[in-house]
Protein backbone atom coordinates (compact mmCIF):
# COMPACT_ATOMS: atom_id res chain seq x y z
CA MET A 1 17.91 -4.81 -6.59
CA GLY A 2 21.49 -5.15 -5.71
CA GLY A 3 21.80 -8.89 -5.17
CA SER A 4 20.35 -12.07 -3.70
CA ASP A 5 20.77 -10.96 -0.14
CA GLU A 6 18.40 -8.13 -0.71
CA ALA A 7 15.82 -10.42 -2.43
CA VAL A 8 16.08 -12.88 0.39
CA LYS A 9 15.61 -10.11 3.15
CA ASP A 10 12.54 -8.74 1.32
CA VAL A 11 11.02 -12.20 1.06
CA GLN A 12 11.74 -13.10 4.61
CA ASP A 13 10.58 -9.78 6.09
CA ALA A 14 7.28 -10.13 4.11
CA LYS A 15 6.78 -13.58 5.23
CA GLN A 16 7.40 -12.72 8.82
CA MET A 17 4.69 -10.16 8.82
CA GLY A 18 2.24 -12.59 7.27
CA LEU A 19 2.02 -11.75 3.70
CA ASP A 20 1.38 -14.54 1.20
CA ALA A 21 2.93 -13.10 -1.99
CA PHE A 22 4.46 -10.21 -3.53
CA ALA A 23 2.72 -8.64 -6.79
CA LEU A 24 5.78 -7.87 -8.97
CA ASN A 25 4.86 -4.62 -10.94
CA VAL A 26 6.61 -5.10 -14.30
CA GLN A 27 7.14 -2.19 -16.69
CA ASP A 28 9.75 -3.49 -19.04
CA PRO A 29 9.67 -7.41 -19.29
CA SER A 30 12.83 -7.59 -21.40
CA ALA A 31 15.08 -5.15 -19.45
CA SER A 32 17.92 -7.14 -18.03
CA TRP A 33 17.81 -5.22 -14.57
CA ALA A 34 14.07 -6.33 -14.21
CA THR A 35 14.61 -9.95 -15.45
CA ASP A 36 17.64 -10.36 -13.13
CA ALA A 37 15.68 -9.02 -10.09
CA ILE A 38 12.65 -11.30 -10.94
CA GLN A 39 15.04 -14.22 -10.98
CA LEU A 40 16.55 -13.36 -7.64
CA LEU A 41 13.11 -12.88 -6.16
CA PHE A 42 11.86 -16.36 -7.61
CA ASP A 43 14.91 -17.95 -6.22
CA ALA A 44 14.45 -16.37 -2.68
CA ALA A 45 10.72 -17.11 -2.67
CA ALA A 46 11.20 -20.85 -3.61
CA ALA A 47 13.91 -21.20 -0.80
CA ASN A 48 11.51 -19.44 1.85
CA ASN A 49 8.01 -20.98 0.81
CA PHE A 50 6.87 -17.65 -0.44
CA LYS A 51 4.78 -16.75 -3.58
CA LEU A 52 5.10 -14.06 -6.27
CA PHE A 53 2.73 -13.18 -9.11
CA PHE A 54 3.06 -10.63 -11.99
CA SER A 55 1.07 -7.37 -12.11
CA PHE A 56 1.98 -6.00 -15.52
CA ASP A 57 1.95 -2.14 -15.92
CA MET A 58 -0.27 -1.41 -18.68
CA ALA A 59 0.51 2.34 -18.43
CA VAL A 60 3.83 1.42 -19.98
CA ILE A 61 3.52 -1.98 -21.79
CA ASP A 62 1.82 -1.51 -25.14
CA GLN A 63 0.23 -5.00 -25.53
CA PRO A 64 0.11 -8.59 -24.00
CA SER A 65 2.61 -10.18 -26.38
CA THR A 66 5.16 -7.83 -24.84
CA PHE A 67 5.02 -9.61 -21.40
CA LEU A 68 3.65 -13.02 -22.45
CA PRO A 69 7.18 -14.73 -22.62
CA LEU A 70 7.98 -13.65 -19.24
CA PHE A 71 4.61 -14.89 -17.95
CA ARG A 72 5.00 -18.12 -19.72
CA GLN A 73 8.70 -18.71 -18.20
CA TYR A 74 7.52 -18.34 -14.62
CA GLN A 75 3.70 -19.18 -14.36
CA SER A 76 4.63 -22.88 -13.61
CA HIS A 77 7.31 -22.01 -11.09
CA SER A 78 7.05 -23.55 -7.69
CA ALA A 79 6.91 -20.06 -6.12
CA TYR A 80 4.31 -18.66 -8.59
CA TYR A 81 1.18 -17.73 -6.80
CA THR A 82 -2.02 -19.79 -7.88
CA HIS A 83 -5.56 -19.47 -7.02
CA GLU A 84 -7.75 -22.52 -7.83
CA ASP A 85 -4.75 -24.15 -9.36
CA ARG A 86 -4.52 -21.40 -11.90
CA PRO A 87 -1.56 -18.78 -12.16
CA PHE A 88 -2.65 -15.43 -10.68
CA VAL A 89 -2.22 -12.39 -12.93
CA SER A 90 -2.93 -8.62 -12.40
CA THR A 91 -2.39 -5.40 -13.99
CA PHE A 92 -1.92 -1.67 -13.36
CA ILE A 93 -4.67 -0.19 -15.55
CA GLY A 94 -5.22 -1.66 -19.19
CA GLY A 95 -9.12 -1.51 -19.06
CA ALA A 96 -9.23 0.95 -21.92
CA LYS A 97 -6.91 -0.73 -24.17
CA SER A 98 -8.32 -2.75 -27.11
CA PHE A 99 -5.16 -3.89 -28.99
CA GLY A 100 -6.81 -3.34 -32.23
CA ALA A 101 -9.87 -5.33 -31.30
CA SER A 102 -13.54 -4.23 -31.09
CA SER A 103 -13.44 -3.78 -27.40
CA PRO A 104 -11.04 -4.00 -24.50
CA ASN A 105 -12.64 -7.19 -23.50
CA ALA A 106 -12.30 -8.55 -26.99
CA GLY A 107 -8.54 -7.39 -27.04
CA TRP A 108 -7.67 -8.97 -23.71
CA GLN A 109 -9.56 -12.13 -24.51
CA ALA A 110 -7.87 -12.67 -27.91
CA GLN A 111 -4.33 -11.49 -27.00
CA PHE A 112 -4.19 -12.71 -23.58
CA LYS A 113 -6.47 -15.50 -22.58
CA ASP A 114 -6.76 -17.17 -26.06
CA VAL A 115 -3.08 -17.12 -26.76
CA LEU A 116 -2.40 -18.78 -23.45
CA ALA A 117 -5.27 -21.19 -23.83
CA ALA A 118 -3.53 -22.62 -26.94
CA ASP A 119 -0.53 -23.42 -24.63
CA GLY A 120 -2.77 -25.11 -21.96
CA ILE A 121 -2.45 -22.17 -19.73
CA ASP A 122 -5.52 -20.69 -18.03
CA PRO A 123 -4.56 -17.64 -15.88
CA PHE A 124 -6.71 -16.26 -12.99
CA PHE A 125 -7.10 -12.77 -14.16
CA VAL A 126 -7.64 -10.02 -11.53
CA PRO A 127 -6.57 -6.70 -13.19
CA ASP A 128 -6.80 -2.98 -11.87
CA PHE A 129 -9.10 -1.77 -14.65
CA ASP A 130 -9.76 1.52 -12.90
CA ASP A 131 -9.28 3.20 -16.21
CA TYR A 132 -12.16 1.40 -18.12
CA GLY A 133 -14.34 4.46 -18.19
CA GLY A 134 -16.83 4.13 -15.30
CA SER A 135 -16.75 5.69 -11.86
CA SER A 136 -16.86 2.11 -10.25
CA TYR A 137 -17.07 -1.52 -11.01
CA ASP A 138 -20.81 -1.66 -11.44
CA ALA A 139 -22.86 -4.34 -12.85
CA ASN A 140 -22.38 -3.13 -16.52
CA PHE A 141 -18.56 -3.57 -16.10
CA PHE A 142 -18.89 -7.31 -15.35
CA ASN A 143 -21.32 -7.64 -18.25
CA ASN A 144 -18.85 -6.00 -20.63
CA TYR A 145 -15.71 -7.56 -19.29
CA PRO A 146 -16.42 -11.37 -19.01
CA VAL A 147 -12.59 -11.85 -19.59
CA VAL A 148 -11.80 -11.08 -16.11
CA ASP A 149 -12.06 -13.46 -12.88
CA GLY A 150 -12.17 -10.54 -10.78
CA VAL A 151 -10.84 -6.97 -10.33
CA MET A 152 -8.65 -4.83 -8.18
CA SER A 153 -8.90 -1.04 -7.64
CA TRP A 154 -5.66 0.98 -7.21
CA ASP A 155 -7.28 4.27 -6.72
CA SER A 156 -9.91 3.48 -4.14
CA ALA A 157 -6.97 3.17 -1.60
CA TRP A 158 -6.88 6.88 -0.90
CA PRO A 159 -9.21 9.93 -1.37
CA GLU A 160 -8.74 11.76 -4.68
CA VAL A 161 -7.00 15.09 -4.61
CA SER A 162 -10.18 16.56 -5.86
CA GLU A 163 -12.30 15.23 -2.96
CA GLY A 164 -10.65 17.66 -0.51
CA LEU A 165 -9.98 17.19 3.05
CA VAL A 166 -12.04 14.06 3.61
CA ASN A 167 -11.04 10.58 4.93
CA VAL A 168 -11.03 7.49 2.66
CA SER A 169 -14.19 5.97 1.73
CA SER A 170 -15.03 2.36 0.93
CA VAL A 171 -18.17 3.13 -1.23
CA LYS A 172 -16.27 2.14 -4.50
CA ASP A 173 -15.05 -1.03 -2.82
CA GLN A 174 -18.59 -1.98 -1.69
CA THR A 175 -19.95 -1.49 -5.17
CA ALA A 176 -17.01 -3.48 -6.67
CA LEU A 177 -17.30 -6.33 -4.15
CA ALA A 178 -21.13 -6.74 -4.34
CA ASN A 179 -20.97 -6.59 -8.26
CA ALA A 180 -18.04 -8.99 -8.59
CA HIS A 181 -19.81 -11.58 -6.25
CA ALA A 182 -23.04 -11.12 -8.15
CA ALA A 183 -21.18 -12.00 -11.42
CA GLY A 184 -19.40 -14.91 -9.72
CA LYS A 185 -16.01 -13.15 -9.61
CA VAL A 186 -13.71 -11.85 -6.94
CA TYR A 187 -12.61 -8.49 -5.65
CA MET A 188 -9.04 -7.44 -4.42
CA MET A 189 -9.21 -4.59 -2.22
CA PRO A 190 -6.27 -2.01 -1.89
CA LEU A 191 -4.84 -0.97 1.54
CA SER A 192 -2.45 1.86 1.82
CA SER A 193 -0.97 4.60 3.90
CA VAL A 194 -0.46 7.69 1.78
CA GLN A 195 0.53 8.70 -1.81
CA PHE A 196 2.97 11.60 -2.15
CA LYS A 197 4.99 12.16 -5.31
CA HIS A 198 7.43 15.14 -5.88
CA ILE A 199 9.50 14.17 -9.12
CA ASP A 200 8.66 16.90 -11.67
CA GLY A 201 6.04 19.30 -12.69
CA GLY A 202 3.69 16.64 -13.96
CA GLN A 203 4.36 14.23 -10.91
CA LYS A 204 3.72 16.05 -7.78
CA TRP A 205 0.76 15.42 -5.54
CA TYR A 206 -0.52 14.47 -2.13
CA ARG A 207 -3.18 11.99 -1.73
CA ARG A 208 -4.16 12.01 2.03
CA GLY A 209 -2.19 9.99 4.48
CA GLU A 210 -3.11 11.00 8.10
CA LEU A 211 -5.19 8.05 9.41
CA ASN A 212 -5.57 6.41 5.98
CA LEU A 213 -3.89 3.18 7.05
CA PRO A 214 -5.86 2.26 10.01
CA LEU A 215 -9.17 3.64 8.57
CA ARG A 216 -8.65 1.35 5.62
CA ILE A 217 -7.79 -1.56 7.78
CA ALA A 218 -11.22 -1.08 9.46
CA GLN A 219 -12.90 -1.01 6.05
CA VAL A 220 -11.09 -4.09 4.97
CA LEU A 221 -12.31 -6.02 8.06
CA ALA A 222 -15.94 -4.73 7.59
CA LEU A 223 -16.11 -5.71 4.01
CA GLN A 224 -14.16 -9.06 4.01
CA PRO A 225 -12.99 -8.91 0.38
CA ASP A 226 -11.57 -11.95 -1.32
CA PHE A 227 -8.07 -10.57 -1.51
CA VAL A 228 -6.21 -7.51 -0.08
CA GLU A 229 -3.29 -5.82 -1.73
CA ILE A 230 -1.23 -3.72 0.34
CA ILE A 231 0.09 -0.76 -1.66
CA THR A 232 3.20 -1.00 -1.51
CA TRP A 233 6.19 -2.91 -0.29
CA ASN A 234 8.90 -0.67 -1.90
CA ASP A 235 7.51 2.23 -4.06
CA ALA A 236 9.56 4.98 -2.77
CA GLY A 237 8.39 7.26 -5.63
CA GLU A 238 4.90 7.40 -4.21
CA SER A 239 5.94 7.19 -0.42
CA HIS A 240 3.52 4.39 0.55
CA TYR A 241 6.45 1.89 0.99
CA ILE A 242 6.33 -0.30 4.13
CA GLY A 243 9.26 -2.40 3.44
CA ASN A 244 12.95 -2.08 2.33
CA CYS A 245 13.77 0.56 -0.16
CA TRP A 246 17.05 -0.56 -1.47
CA PRO A 247 19.37 2.24 -2.79
CA GLU A 248 19.86 0.57 -6.17
CA ALA A 249 16.18 1.05 -6.86
CA ILE A 250 16.43 4.76 -6.76
CA ALA A 251 20.10 5.49 -7.57
CA GLY A 252 19.14 7.14 -10.63
CA ALA A 253 16.31 9.14 -9.24
CA PRO A 254 17.80 12.05 -7.19
CA ALA A 255 14.36 13.75 -6.93
CA ILE A 256 12.92 10.57 -5.24
CA GLN A 257 15.99 10.25 -2.97
CA ALA A 258 15.47 13.76 -1.72
CA TYR A 259 12.18 12.86 -0.18
CA ALA A 260 12.49 9.09 0.62
CA ASN A 261 15.92 8.79 2.12
CA GLY A 262 15.87 8.87 5.79
CA TYR A 263 12.06 8.23 6.09
CA ASP A 264 11.84 4.59 7.17
CA HIS A 265 8.27 3.32 7.10
CA ALA A 266 9.04 -0.30 8.30
CA HIS A 267 7.17 0.17 11.59
CA TRP A 268 3.85 0.27 9.89
CA GLN A 269 4.47 -3.34 9.68
CA ASP A 270 4.03 -3.47 13.47
CA VAL A 271 0.35 -2.40 12.89
CA LEU A 272 -0.34 -4.46 9.77
CA ALA A 273 1.00 -7.99 11.04
CA PRO A 274 -1.65 -8.39 13.56
CA PHE A 275 -4.32 -7.08 11.15
CA ILE A 276 -3.27 -9.74 8.71
CA VAL A 277 -3.94 -12.38 11.33
CA ALA A 278 -7.22 -10.88 12.10
CA TYR A 279 -8.37 -10.58 8.39
CA LYS A 280 -7.27 -14.22 7.78
CA ASN A 281 -9.34 -15.51 10.77
CA GLY A 282 -12.43 -13.62 9.51
CA ALA A 283 -12.44 -10.75 12.09
CA THR A 284 -14.95 -7.89 10.97
CA SER A 285 -14.08 -5.26 13.59
CA VAL A 286 -10.82 -3.46 14.87
CA SER A 287 -11.62 -4.54 18.32
CA ALA A 288 -10.54 -8.04 17.13
CA VAL A 289 -7.13 -6.82 15.91
CA ASN A 290 -4.93 -7.84 18.94
CA PRO A 291 -1.05 -7.42 19.38
CA PHE A 292 1.16 -10.47 19.49
CA GLY A 293 2.54 -9.39 23.00
CA ALA A 294 1.41 -6.76 25.53
CA PHE A 295 0.93 -4.18 22.89
CA ALA A 296 2.05 -3.02 19.33
CA GLY A 297 2.02 0.43 17.87
CA ALA A 298 3.49 3.33 15.88
CA PHE A 299 3.05 7.01 15.18
CA TRP A 300 3.64 9.04 12.21
CA TYR A 301 3.85 12.71 11.28
CA ARG A 302 5.08 14.96 8.56
CA PRO A 303 8.04 17.07 9.59
CA LEU A 304 6.97 19.87 7.50
CA LEU A 305 3.88 21.94 8.34
CA LYS A 306 1.42 22.44 5.39
CA SER A 307 1.65 26.06 5.87
CA ALA A 308 5.15 26.11 4.53
CA SER A 309 6.06 28.39 1.66
CA CYS A 310 8.58 25.86 0.07
CA SER A 311 10.03 28.89 -1.93
CA GLY A 312 13.35 27.34 -2.18
CA ASP A 313 11.78 24.33 -4.04
CA SER A 314 11.45 24.71 -7.78
CA LEU A 315 8.51 22.38 -7.83
CA GLY A 316 6.81 24.20 -5.16
CA LYS A 317 4.05 22.70 -3.06
CA PRO A 318 2.24 19.44 -4.26
CA SER A 319 -1.17 19.42 -5.61
CA GLY A 320 -3.51 18.39 -2.71
CA TRP A 321 -1.41 20.09 -0.10
CA GLN A 322 -4.55 21.83 1.05
CA ASN A 323 -5.87 18.41 2.07
CA ALA A 324 -3.10 17.72 4.63
CA GLU A 325 -3.46 18.20 8.29
CA ASP A 326 -0.66 18.94 10.65
CA LEU A 327 -1.15 15.88 13.02
CA ILE A 328 0.50 13.32 14.96
CA ASN A 329 -1.29 10.06 13.84
CA ILE A 330 -1.29 7.01 16.11
CA ALA A 331 -2.14 3.46 15.80
CA MET A 332 -2.06 1.28 19.09
CA LEU A 333 -2.97 -2.27 19.31
CA LEU A 334 -3.95 -3.70 22.85
CA PRO A 335 -4.98 -7.16 24.11
CA SER A 336 -8.52 -8.07 24.94
CA THR A 337 -7.56 -7.90 28.73
CA SER A 338 -6.35 -4.27 28.40
CA SER A 339 -7.94 -1.74 30.76
CA GLY A 340 -7.21 1.70 32.07
CA VAL A 341 -4.23 2.16 29.48
CA THR A 342 -3.70 5.89 28.07
CA LEU A 343 -1.73 7.34 25.48
CA ARG A 344 0.22 10.53 26.52
CA VAL A 345 1.23 12.71 23.51
CA TYR A 346 3.90 15.34 23.60
CA SER A 347 4.48 17.88 20.85
CA GLY A 348 7.09 20.65 20.91
CA GLY A 349 8.16 19.72 24.39
CA SER A 350 4.82 19.82 26.06
CA VAL A 351 2.03 17.27 26.74
CA VAL A 352 -0.82 18.18 24.35
CA ALA A 353 -3.02 15.17 24.82
CA THR A 354 -3.84 12.29 27.16
CA LEU A 355 -6.08 9.64 25.43
CA ALA A 356 -8.13 6.77 26.53
CA THR A 357 -7.77 3.29 24.95
CA LYS A 358 -9.66 0.22 24.39
CA PRO A 359 -8.78 -3.39 23.46
CA GLY A 360 -8.07 -3.93 19.89
CA LEU A 361 -6.82 -1.38 17.34
CA ASN A 362 -6.88 2.21 18.55
CA MET A 363 -6.51 4.99 16.16
CA ALA A 364 -6.20 8.73 16.94
CA THR A 365 -4.81 12.14 15.90
CA VAL A 366 -3.55 14.94 17.88
CA PRO A 367 -2.54 18.53 16.32
CA ILE A 368 1.19 18.72 16.05
CA ARG A 369 3.60 21.63 16.98
CA THR A 370 6.99 22.33 15.85
CA GLY A 371 9.90 20.63 17.50
CA ALA A 372 10.19 17.02 19.01
CA GLN A 373 7.27 14.56 19.18
CA ARG A 374 6.82 11.70 21.55
CA VAL A 375 4.13 9.17 22.50
CA GLU A 376 3.88 7.15 25.63
CA LEU A 377 1.80 4.33 26.44
CA VAL A 378 0.83 4.40 30.20
CA ALA A 379 -0.52 1.54 32.33
CA ALA A 380 -3.40 2.11 34.70
CA ASP A 381 -0.96 2.49 37.59
CA GLY A 382 0.96 5.16 35.86
CA THR A 383 4.08 3.15 34.73
CA ILE A 384 5.28 3.75 31.17
CA MET A 385 4.63 0.50 29.22
CA GLY A 386 6.27 1.86 25.91
CA ALA A 387 7.14 4.94 24.14
CA GLY A 388 8.54 6.36 20.77
CA SER A 389 10.30 9.51 20.14
CA SER A 390 10.48 11.39 16.88
CA THR A 391 13.61 11.16 14.80
CA GLN A 392 13.27 14.52 13.00
CA ASP A 393 11.90 17.83 14.37
CA VAL A 394 8.72 19.40 12.81
CA VAL A 395 9.58 22.65 11.10
CA ALA A 396 7.32 25.50 9.81
CA ASP A 397 9.17 26.03 6.55
CA THR A 398 12.09 24.82 4.54
CA SER A 399 14.45 26.13 2.04
CA GLY A 400 14.89 22.66 0.58
CA VAL A 401 12.57 20.00 -0.67
CA CYS A 402 8.84 20.50 0.02
CA ASN A 403 8.52 16.97 1.61
CA PHE A 404 5.24 15.68 2.52
CA ASN A 405 6.49 12.24 3.28
CA TYR A 406 6.01 10.55 6.74
CA GLN A 407 8.27 9.76 9.46
CA VAL A 408 7.03 6.53 11.15
CA VAL A 409 8.00 5.97 14.80
CA HIS A 410 7.88 2.58 16.60
CA ILE A 411 6.36 2.60 20.05
CA ALA A 412 8.18 -0.03 21.87
């Protein structure tokens, strides 16, 4: 993070779209670049009535004692997010770590909960323990991990690469939510757009995007989990960012710059903001997700066809490329009074589809062609209410980076 202006911009943008807090993923709690950014964010959050909480990255951190000084420093801060008057804490994995104890639960109890209890601190602990060893958060998990106050799943946000060409499922979320509630715990459900990574030979994969975002919105509304975590605000490395990706964050990562620079995802916020209102109001169907004005929407597409050889990229194609589809993906929100409105879709300079709509959140896909892309929202009388045009043409192959990231286009 380059400075206080960037921290303020992030906080104000997030608050404007209806978010309550940022989960701050922390990998190195003592690095000056990290602690400086954390201080800037807490200052910005306090000045704008926004909240933050820590999510400690246990793929990197070896034991709780590494992050406890940072947590102690901020857990009583006015901008720290609390639930039931307890400071909220999460993780990225850590469910298989025992820290020398007889079990992971015993390790987390002794080295995290008990150490803090001695200081009079009682964290509300909702980790992502996807790595604990089971296929889902079943009843046995909650019997074996009484240390948690709830759980979050990172991996249920997208289909696994091994699942093939399928849409995201909420089965794991349903299991987690039911068993969490049966144990008197909470469930934080993940919501995301895509996961594409193309850094090196061990970090190159594509977990389906396509309509993942609106499909996941529908699943969240149907399940009504206790919390929802949007993945992510600014993770350029995995391509699921919806907010600002400041250049300082990836200045030392040319591989990430190559597939993230010039790929703005901010207009996914236009779809998410009305969803947030609907979720907080208890809506259980996408028909209740209404725009703030006459309409709101976006379309997104990959500018490179999946059949590309990518012969000029030393990393080649990402694992999971076979699961991608060459599509224009559309999410359009219309008010309850909407009638007779259609979506006219152009690809490669020709009209390829005219789609009917209904009130609420509409989601649709249309096969894509090389060239320019455009989507128009057409009123019942034939007038164009709004439109969006591609910023980058679709190509069949490339001699450069094998980029499966998305261009997101505002329909306005």
